[in-house]
Amino acid sequence: MEYEIRVLTASDEAVLQNVAPEVLDRGTDWQLTREFLADQRHHMVVAIDEAGMVIGFASGVHYVHPDKPAQMFINEVGVAPSHQGQGIGRAVVQRIVQLASDLGCKEAWVLTDRDNTFARRLYEAAGAESPAEACLMYTIHLPRPG
């Protein structure tokens, strides 16, 4: 199967109008899409098939901190169930890691559940070290303004 790996820019909003089912967790919100793509620290790498459909992606945010050099937080990776196991996840992760390097980031990192063996294999294939300890992620739900 042929597919193109592409780093989206602010002018690529239309690319996300044709996304295979179950690639993104929820439907595309166009206001959020515009905001995401317009922010120079937000990044999305997509895999696009011959028909122009997005069949996979990796998104991330690169950031700096007063005591750390630039890093890329890989926020999410998704591949259409119909296209899993074909190297698409690996391709988008490798491309976002390369983008992080091009941006001067000193490392990239991603979170996943210990029992998500598919994700762990994907990240380890990209060169990630498997952590010895479990990691906890806490979510603080914020009240809506008003």
Foldseek 3Di string as FASTA:
>chain_A
DDKDKDKDALPCLVLLVAEDPPQDPDRDDSVVSNVQRHDPQKIKIFIADPVSYTFKMWIWGWDDDPVFGIEIETEDIGGHPVPPPPCRSLVRVLVVQVVCVVVVHPYYDYDDFPPPVVVVVSVVVSPDDDDPDGDDDDDDDDDDDD
